[in-house]
Protein backbone atom coordinates (compact mmCIF):
# COMPACT_ATOMS: atom_id res chain seq x y z
CA UNK A 1 9.32 -3.25 19.48
CA UNK A 2 11.76 -2.14 22.18
CA UNK A 3 14.92 -4.18 22.86
CA UNK A 4 18.20 -3.95 24.73
CA UNK A 5 21.13 -4.20 22.34
CA UNK A 6 24.78 -4.86 23.09
CA UNK A 7 26.11 -2.76 20.23
CA UNK A 8 29.82 -3.32 20.82
CA UNK A 9 32.33 -4.15 23.51
CA UNK A 10 31.28 -2.29 26.64
CA UNK A 11 28.35 -0.59 24.92
CA UNK A 12 24.63 -1.24 25.46
CA UNK A 13 21.50 0.70 24.54
CA UNK A 14 17.72 0.28 24.48
CA UNK A 15 16.20 1.03 21.09
CA UNK A 16 13.31 0.31 18.76
CA UNK A 17 13.84 -2.66 16.40
CA UNK A 18 11.49 -4.41 13.95
CA UNK A 19 8.96 -6.85 15.42
CA UNK A 20 10.04 -10.47 14.80
CA UNK A 21 8.12 -12.97 12.69
CA UNK A 22 8.26 -16.75 13.21
CA UNK A 23 9.66 -19.27 10.78
CA UNK A 24 7.66 -22.42 9.94
CA UNK A 25 8.66 -24.26 13.14
CA UNK A 26 9.05 -21.19 15.37
CA UNK A 27 6.90 -19.09 17.67
CA UNK A 28 7.03 -15.48 18.80
CA UNK A 29 7.01 -15.07 22.58
CA UNK A 30 5.87 -11.89 24.30
CA UNK A 31 8.51 -11.75 27.02
CA UNK A 32 7.23 -11.47 30.60
CA UNK A 33 10.65 -11.43 32.26
CA UNK A 34 14.28 -11.89 31.30
CA UNK A 35 17.01 -12.73 33.80
CA UNK A 36 20.55 -11.34 33.72
CA UNK A 37 23.45 -13.76 33.86
CA UNK A 38 27.23 -13.68 33.99
CA UNK A 39 27.19 -14.72 30.35
CA UNK A 40 25.64 -11.34 29.51
CA UNK A 41 28.66 -9.63 31.08
CA UNK A 42 30.99 -11.82 29.04
CA UNK A 43 29.13 -10.85 25.87
CA UNK A 44 29.49 -7.20 26.86
CA UNK A 45 33.26 -7.85 27.17
CA UNK A 46 33.33 -9.28 23.64
CA UNK A 47 33.38 -12.95 24.65
CA UNK A 48 30.99 -15.76 23.63
CA UNK A 49 28.80 -13.89 21.13
CA UNK A 50 30.16 -14.59 17.62
CA UNK A 51 29.16 -11.13 16.39
CA UNK A 52 27.89 -7.86 17.79
CA UNK A 53 25.45 -6.18 17.91
CA UNK A 54 23.10 -8.70 19.55
CA UNK A 55 19.97 -8.56 21.69
CA UNK A 56 21.01 -10.47 24.85
CA UNK A 57 18.83 -12.49 27.20
CA UNK A 58 18.88 -16.29 27.33
CA UNK A 59 16.81 -16.66 30.54
CA UNK A 60 13.24 -15.78 29.68
CA UNK A 61 9.61 -16.83 29.73
CA UNK A 62 6.46 -15.36 28.30
CA UNK A 63 3.29 -15.84 26.27
CA UNK A 64 3.06 -17.17 22.71
CA UNK A 65 1.58 -14.50 20.43
CA UNK A 66 2.34 -15.94 16.98
CA UNK A 67 3.06 -19.41 15.62
CA UNK A 68 4.74 -20.62 12.44
CA UNK A 69 2.89 -22.43 9.70
CA UNK A 70 4.12 -25.87 10.78
CA UNK A 71 3.59 -25.47 14.54
CA UNK A 72 0.72 -27.53 15.94
CA UNK A 73 1.84 -28.22 19.53
CA UNK A 74 1.57 -24.58 20.66
CA UNK A 75 -1.04 -21.88 20.13
CA UNK A 76 -1.58 -18.21 20.84
CA UNK A 77 -1.85 -17.55 24.55
CA UNK A 78 0.22 -20.50 25.77
CA UNK A 79 2.58 -19.51 28.58
CA UNK A 80 6.05 -20.96 28.06
CA UNK A 81 9.60 -21.01 29.34
CA UNK A 82 12.25 -21.15 26.63
CA UNK A 83 15.34 -23.33 26.40
CA UNK A 84 17.79 -21.04 24.55
CA UNK A 85 20.02 -23.86 23.25
CA UNK A 86 20.36 -24.08 19.46
CA UNK A 87 22.09 -27.23 18.22
CA UNK A 88 22.89 -28.37 14.69
CA UNK A 89 21.98 -32.05 15.41
CA UNK A 90 24.45 -33.05 12.68
CA UNK A 91 28.00 -32.68 14.01
CA UNK A 92 30.14 -35.32 15.72
CA UNK A 93 29.10 -34.29 19.23
CA UNK A 94 25.40 -33.92 18.48
CA UNK A 95 25.35 -37.40 16.94
CA UNK A 96 26.91 -38.73 20.16
CA UNK A 97 24.24 -37.07 22.29
CA UNK A 98 26.59 -34.35 23.56
CA UNK A 99 24.66 -31.50 22.01
CA UNK A 100 25.93 -28.92 24.49
CA UNK A 101 29.36 -29.42 22.90
CA UNK A 102 27.96 -28.88 19.40
CA UNK A 103 30.58 -27.76 16.89
CA UNK A 104 28.07 -25.16 15.66
CA UNK A 105 26.83 -24.29 19.15
CA UNK A 106 24.51 -21.31 19.27
CA UNK A 107 21.96 -19.90 21.67
CA UNK A 108 19.09 -17.45 21.79
CA UNK A 109 20.42 -14.29 23.41
CA UNK A 110 24.03 -15.17 22.59
CA UNK A 111 24.28 -15.74 18.84
CA UNK A 112 20.74 -14.70 17.90
CA UNK A 113 18.34 -12.11 19.30
CA UNK A 114 17.22 -12.95 22.82
CA UNK A 115 14.70 -12.17 25.50
CA UNK A 116 15.85 -8.71 26.61
CA UNK A 117 13.09 -7.36 24.40
CA UNK A 118 9.34 -7.12 24.17
CA UNK A 119 9.22 -10.11 21.81
CA UNK A 120 11.58 -12.99 21.01
CA UNK A 121 11.56 -15.81 18.46
CA UNK A 122 12.18 -19.40 19.57
CA UNK A 123 11.87 -22.85 18.02
CA UNK A 124 8.62 -24.47 19.09
CA UNK A 125 10.62 -27.49 20.26
CA UNK A 126 12.47 -25.26 22.76
CA UNK A 127 9.30 -24.09 24.52
CA UNK A 128 7.97 -25.78 27.66
CA UNK A 129 4.39 -25.04 28.66
CA UNK A 130 3.92 -23.76 32.19
CA UNK A 131 1.40 -25.20 34.65
CA UNK A 132 -1.27 -22.85 35.94
CA UNK A 133 0.30 -22.38 39.39
CA UNK A 134 3.65 -21.11 38.05
CA UNK A 135 3.92 -17.35 37.47
CA UNK A 136 5.23 -16.56 34.02
CA UNK A 137 7.81 -14.04 35.29
CA UNK A 138 9.16 -16.53 37.82
CA UNK A 139 9.65 -19.18 35.12
CA UNK A 140 12.65 -17.26 33.74
CA UNK A 141 14.51 -19.05 36.58
CA UNK A 142 14.08 -22.40 34.83
CA UNK A 143 17.01 -21.83 32.44
CA UNK A 144 19.65 -21.25 35.16
CA UNK A 145 18.14 -24.13 37.12
CA UNK A 146 18.57 -26.37 34.06
CA UNK A 147 22.28 -25.48 34.03
CA UNK A 148 22.52 -26.48 37.70
CA UNK A 149 20.73 -29.76 36.95
CA UNK A 150 23.32 -30.43 34.24
CA UNK A 151 26.04 -29.78 36.81
CA UNK A 152 24.61 -32.43 39.09
CA UNK A 153 24.30 -34.84 36.18
CA UNK A 154 28.06 -34.47 35.78
CA UNK A 155 28.78 -34.95 39.48
CA UNK A 156 26.81 -38.17 40.01
CA UNK A 157 27.81 -37.81 43.65
CA UNK A 158 27.00 -40.31 46.38
CA UNK A 159 24.50 -39.82 49.17
CA UNK A 160 25.88 -38.18 52.33
CA UNK A 161 28.62 -36.30 50.47
CA UNK A 162 30.19 -33.26 52.09
CA UNK A 163 29.88 -30.38 49.61
CA UNK A 164 31.70 -27.05 49.46
CA UNK A 165 30.39 -24.34 47.12
CA UNK A 166 32.27 -21.15 46.22
CA UNK A 167 29.89 -18.31 45.43
CA UNK A 168 26.43 -17.72 46.90
CA UNK A 169 24.97 -15.81 43.99
CA UNK A 170 22.03 -17.25 42.07
CA UNK A 171 23.91 -20.24 40.67
CA UNK A 172 25.67 -21.11 43.91
CA UNK A 173 22.35 -20.96 45.75
CA UNK A 174 20.77 -23.23 43.14
CA UNK A 175 23.62 -25.69 43.57
CA UNK A 176 22.99 -25.53 47.32
CA UNK A 177 19.33 -26.41 46.82
CA UNK A 178 20.19 -29.33 44.53
CA UNK A 179 22.89 -30.58 46.91
CA UNK A 180 20.32 -30.78 49.68
CA UNK A 181 17.83 -32.43 47.32
CA UNK A 182 20.36 -35.09 46.31
CA UNK A 183 21.17 -36.07 49.89
CA UNK A 184 24.32 -34.15 50.84
CA UNK A 185 25.44 -34.64 54.45
CA UNK A 186 26.62 -31.02 54.60
CA UNK A 187 26.74 -28.05 52.26
CA UNK A 188 29.16 -25.25 53.11
CA UNK A 189 29.18 -21.92 51.27
CA UNK A 190 32.09 -19.52 50.72
CA UNK A 191 31.61 -15.93 49.55
CA UNK A 192 33.04 -12.49 50.25
CA UNK A 193 29.56 -10.95 50.03
CA UNK A 194 27.92 -11.16 53.47
CA UNK A 195 24.48 -10.28 52.13
CA UNK A 196 24.60 -13.27 49.81
CA UNK A 197 25.90 -15.49 52.60
CA UNK A 198 22.87 -14.48 54.65
CA UNK A 199 20.64 -15.81 51.88
CA UNK A 200 22.60 -19.07 51.85
CA UNK A 201 21.97 -19.38 55.59
CA UNK A 202 18.28 -18.66 55.01
CA UNK A 203 18.21 -21.55 52.53
CA UNK A 204 19.73 -23.94 55.07
CA UNK A 205 23.41 -24.31 54.27
CA UNK A 206 25.57 -25.95 56.93
CA UNK A 207 27.87 -22.95 57.22
CA UNK A 208 28.35 -19.65 55.39
CA UNK A 209 31.87 -18.25 55.60
CA UNK A 210 34.27 -15.78 54.09
CA UNK A 211 37.05 -18.40 53.93
CA UNK A 212 36.98 -22.20 53.94
CA UNK A 213 39.68 -21.98 56.65
CA UNK A 214 36.84 -21.17 59.06
CA UNK A 215 35.41 -24.70 58.66
CA UNK A 216 36.86 -27.74 60.40
CA UNK A 217 37.20 -30.30 57.62
CA UNK A 218 40.70 -31.83 57.91
CA UNK A 219 40.09 -34.42 55.17
CA UNK A 220 38.70 -31.85 52.76
CA UNK A 221 35.39 -32.13 50.94
CA UNK A 222 33.97 -34.90 48.76
CA UNK A 223 32.62 -32.38 46.26
CA UNK A 224 33.89 -28.85 45.66
CA UNK A 225 32.01 -26.60 43.24
CA UNK A 226 33.13 -23.25 41.91
CA UNK A 227 30.14 -21.07 41.03
CA UNK A 228 32.11 -17.83 40.77
CA UNK A 229 34.40 -18.10 37.74
CA UNK A 230 36.85 -16.06 39.83
CA UNK A 231 40.50 -17.06 39.40
CA UNK A 232 41.43 -16.71 43.09
CA UNK A 233 38.36 -18.61 44.25
CA UNK A 234 39.07 -21.40 41.76
CA UNK A 235 42.67 -21.73 42.93
CA UNK A 236 41.59 -21.97 46.55
CA UNK A 237 38.77 -24.40 45.75
CA UNK A 238 41.09 -26.84 43.97
CA UNK A 239 43.08 -27.22 47.16
CA UNK A 240 40.00 -28.11 49.23
CA UNK A 241 39.10 -31.36 47.45
CA UNK A 242 39.56 -34.42 49.67
CA UNK A 243 40.98 -37.77 48.61
CA UNK A 244 38.80 -39.43 46.01
CA UNK A 245 36.82 -36.21 45.67
CA UNK A 246 35.52 -34.25 42.71
CA UNK A 247 36.01 -30.63 41.70
CA UNK A 248 33.37 -29.12 39.40
CA UNK A 249 34.10 -25.97 37.41
CA UNK A 250 30.59 -24.59 37.16
CA UNK A 251 31.18 -20.82 37.17
CA UNK A 252 32.04 -19.17 33.86
CA UNK A 253 35.52 -17.65 33.88
CA UNK A 254 37.05 -15.02 31.65
CA UNK A 255 38.98 -16.49 28.74
CA UNK A 256 42.24 -15.34 30.32
CA UNK A 257 41.67 -16.95 33.75
CA UNK A 258 44.32 -19.47 34.82
CA UNK A 259 44.75 -21.88 37.75
CA UNK A 260 47.60 -24.18 38.78
CA UNK A 261 47.01 -27.87 39.50
CA UNK A 262 49.24 -30.41 41.24
CA UNK A 263 49.41 -33.44 38.92
CA UNK A 264 50.95 -35.74 41.53
CA UNK A 265 48.20 -34.97 44.04
CA UNK A 266 45.52 -35.56 41.40
CA UNK A 267 47.09 -38.93 40.59
CA UNK A 268 47.91 -39.99 44.12
CA UNK A 269 44.59 -38.97 45.66
CA UNK A 270 42.41 -39.95 42.70
CA UNK A 271 40.88 -36.49 42.40
CA UNK A 272 38.49 -35.80 39.55
CA UNK A 273 38.45 -32.36 37.93
CA UNK A 274 35.56 -31.75 35.56
CA UNK A 275 33.36 -29.05 34.07
CA UNK A 276 29.72 -28.48 33.23
CA UNK A 277 28.70 -26.64 30.07
CA UNK A 278 25.24 -25.04 29.95
CA UNK A 279 22.23 -27.29 29.33
CA UNK A 280 22.03 -30.91 28.18
CA UNK A 281 18.74 -32.83 28.35
CA UNK A 282 18.05 -30.97 31.59
CA UNK A 283 15.63 -28.16 30.73
CA UNK A 284 12.42 -30.17 30.96
CA UNK A 285 13.58 -31.76 34.22
CA UNK A 286 14.38 -28.32 35.61
CA UNK A 287 10.89 -27.18 34.64
CA UNK A 288 9.44 -30.13 36.55
CA UNK A 289 11.55 -29.37 39.61
CA UNK A 290 10.56 -25.73 39.43
CA UNK A 291 6.87 -26.58 39.25
CA UNK A 292 7.39 -28.76 42.35
CA UNK A 293 8.68 -25.75 44.26
CA UNK A 294 12.36 -26.66 44.59
CA UNK A 295 13.15 -22.91 44.40
CA UNK A 296 11.35 -20.02 46.06
CA UNK A 297 11.27 -17.21 43.45
CA UNK A 298 10.77 -14.60 46.16
CA UNK A 299 14.13 -15.59 47.65
CA UNK A 300 16.00 -15.95 44.37
CA UNK A 301 14.70 -12.89 42.50
CA UNK A 302 15.93 -9.74 44.22
CA UNK A 303 15.26 -7.10 41.54
CA UNK A 304 12.65 -6.64 38.83
CA UNK A 305 13.55 -3.61 36.70
CA UNK A 306 12.02 -2.14 33.54
CA UNK A 307 13.71 -2.95 30.24
CA UNK A 308 14.64 0.72 29.86
CA UNK A 309 17.00 0.23 32.84
CA UNK A 310 18.90 -2.65 31.22
CA UNK A 311 22.28 -0.88 31.37
CA UNK A 312 21.90 -0.02 35.06
CA UNK A 313 20.69 -3.57 35.74
CA UNK A 314 23.94 -4.86 34.23
CA UNK A 315 25.90 -2.45 36.43
CA UNK A 316 24.03 -3.68 39.50
CA UNK A 317 24.73 -7.29 38.55
CA UNK A 318 28.42 -6.57 37.91
CA UNK A 319 28.72 -4.94 41.34
CA UNK A 320 27.41 -8.10 43.02
CA UNK A 321 24.29 -6.43 44.39
CA UNK A 322 21.22 -8.56 44.90
CA UNK A 323 20.68 -12.06 43.61
CA UNK A 324 18.82 -12.78 40.36
CA UNK A 325 18.08 -9.52 38.57
CA UNK A 326 15.30 -9.50 35.99
CA UNK A 327 14.22 -6.96 33.41
CA UNK A 328 10.53 -6.70 32.56
CA UNK A 329 9.76 -5.48 29.01
């Protein structure tokens, strides 16, 4: 089969590799679409993936074409979206129900071969069947949506909160949609990319600006979310949290990124600073939300490119062009 391979730091190629075979409790999925994510860029930089080379792609959906000997809940032809999370279920954090913090954390497309290929192997337990009205290619959006759902699990924010989101790429736009769904009084978006801000306006944000200084909010915001991972954006965002408010680090930063906090202000104004790591008991709920139409795939997916163009797709993503970019094997 054909697969994209990150062969080393800064190096990617598309090549022929052996077809996969399923283990007893696994299935082989013929990939319909695989989304690109900031995590893929981090892997290309030598971060996250424990070893290279690796076939990337942790956002994918497709059709089951082979099942393991002990799989009885799926069969050939089933259309599925795949939760890439691989937990040990044995460590301290897994036993406490915090599987996303697993001491042996792994993921399809990060530590094992992923969906940027014609076929991918996944545990049967990680596959969610798709309803008839959901297009298989569109269902690759369920994984990033499940990360956004996890972010809102962390926030537990009150109704009528005023929300400020940095970054109007795919993840920022998903956080916008969930903020509206959970009863935000206002949702303001900050981004340097005017094309992406236009999409945020299309999706009904309260304001879309280059700088939060353009918005009149003297008491700050109840909830501030960084969906960029950018050091400068994070530093600015931390200063926008109002008294009693919450800052969520949702965007994935480089390992070397640093930000300065003001301990007295955090104490005196009872500000909460927290983070959200990947997926935790949120994939199935995201699949339900997706099937209900919480996201419009035609708005979120800007590019569908052939797998052979994986390297140029990464370049396009790195340059901040478009929104969700998919490769189609």
